[in-house]
Amino acid sequence: MKRIFRKSPVLLIMGLVIVSLFVFVIGVSVGPVSIPFFSVWKIIFSKITGYNINGIDINIINIAWNLRFPRVILGFVVGAGLAISGVAIQSFTKNPLSEPYILGVSSGASAGAVLVALNGFLVSHIGYYAMPLGAFLGAVISLTTVYVLSLNKEGRVNPFQLIFLGIATSAMFMAITNFVVFSAKYDAGVRTAMFWMMGSLAGVKWAYLPIPIFILFGSFIVFMILYRAMNTMLLGESTAIMLGINIRRSRKIIVIISSLLAGAIVSVSGSIGFVGLIIPHIVRNMIGSNHKYVLPCSLLLGGNFIVLADMIARVVVMPQELPIGIITAILGAPFFIYLLKKNKYSFGGKY
């Protein structure tokens, strides 16, 4: 199977598109209130065509359309965004263990969002865009700090320092977030802060979707434009320069777009870790390292992963639900340890 996908990565993309449709419907069906599989398709058909459907309780339709659909869509966007952000960060750092969570980007974005959420002045003057802006600034500060401090005298990234600095930066921003939560003077602020710290897709509305969807596909388009630059980055800076790639400009663009994407994701879902580590690794292992195919495959697989993880979070302790960050951490932490112990991972593969 792996040989087939390496020879024709388009087959994997097509397969993931089909799988995404079924995962989407399953994600809407499963929950404290079970919705039959075919009823979901009927509701979709009704909303698209305007055709009235009979035989489905109006409460079921409201639960499916107003609660489950936006949640599943946002879950897909969150997973897709974290996955392609992980791909981009790994390419410009040339380190397969890099990802938004490990490099402190998610923690920085969470700290920025929490600081804004507990600042009534900013929220009242900027409104809904206050927390995404705070998350973006936190992500930029975190990733820029880690990247600059990891450069050696020749201006190249030290991969070992990158990981350690990312862990240290993540711990620092988590400490800031915890301090803010501890100092909060009202319960609503504490609940908001806990939301960002653990990650959740609960309470999603249709109105929350346009901005993250726009940023996701805008970022994806930029990354696809830069896919050749990402490929040459894996060969080393000297090779990239010989091939006429403006390595510094490409890295700056990747840093900015990755920070914007991570900030947007964290602003609507909270801090969800390890997705940007697990998904790119699986995809590269299946199809190689050509970012022309790694990016779309990671987008689709990452989206499906979070939808399924959120489904587990909803049903494992019904009628309560777990924060989705707990599920991804349970799956991701052992995977990270496995990569460190194996120590044989490379970006290998043929373009």
Foldseek 3Di string as FASTA:
>chain_A
DLVVCQVPVVVLLVVLVVVLVVLLLVLLQFFPDGDDSVVLVVLVVCVVPVDDDPDDDPVSSCCSPWFRNLLLVLLLLLQLLQQLLLLLVCLLQVHLLDGCLLQQLQLQLLLQLLVQLLDPVQCVVVPPCRSLVRSLVRNLVSNVVLQVVQADPVRHGDRVSSRVNSNVNNVVSVVSLVVSLVPRDDPVSNVVSVQQAQWASGPDGPVLPPPSVVLSVVLLVVCLVCLVVSVQSNVPDVSCVVVVHPSVVSSVVSSSSSSSNSSSSSSNIHRADQSNNPQLQVLCSRHAQRCNSSSSSSSSVSSSVSSVLQSCQRPVDPPHGGRSSVSRCVVRVVVSVVCVVVVPDHRGGDD
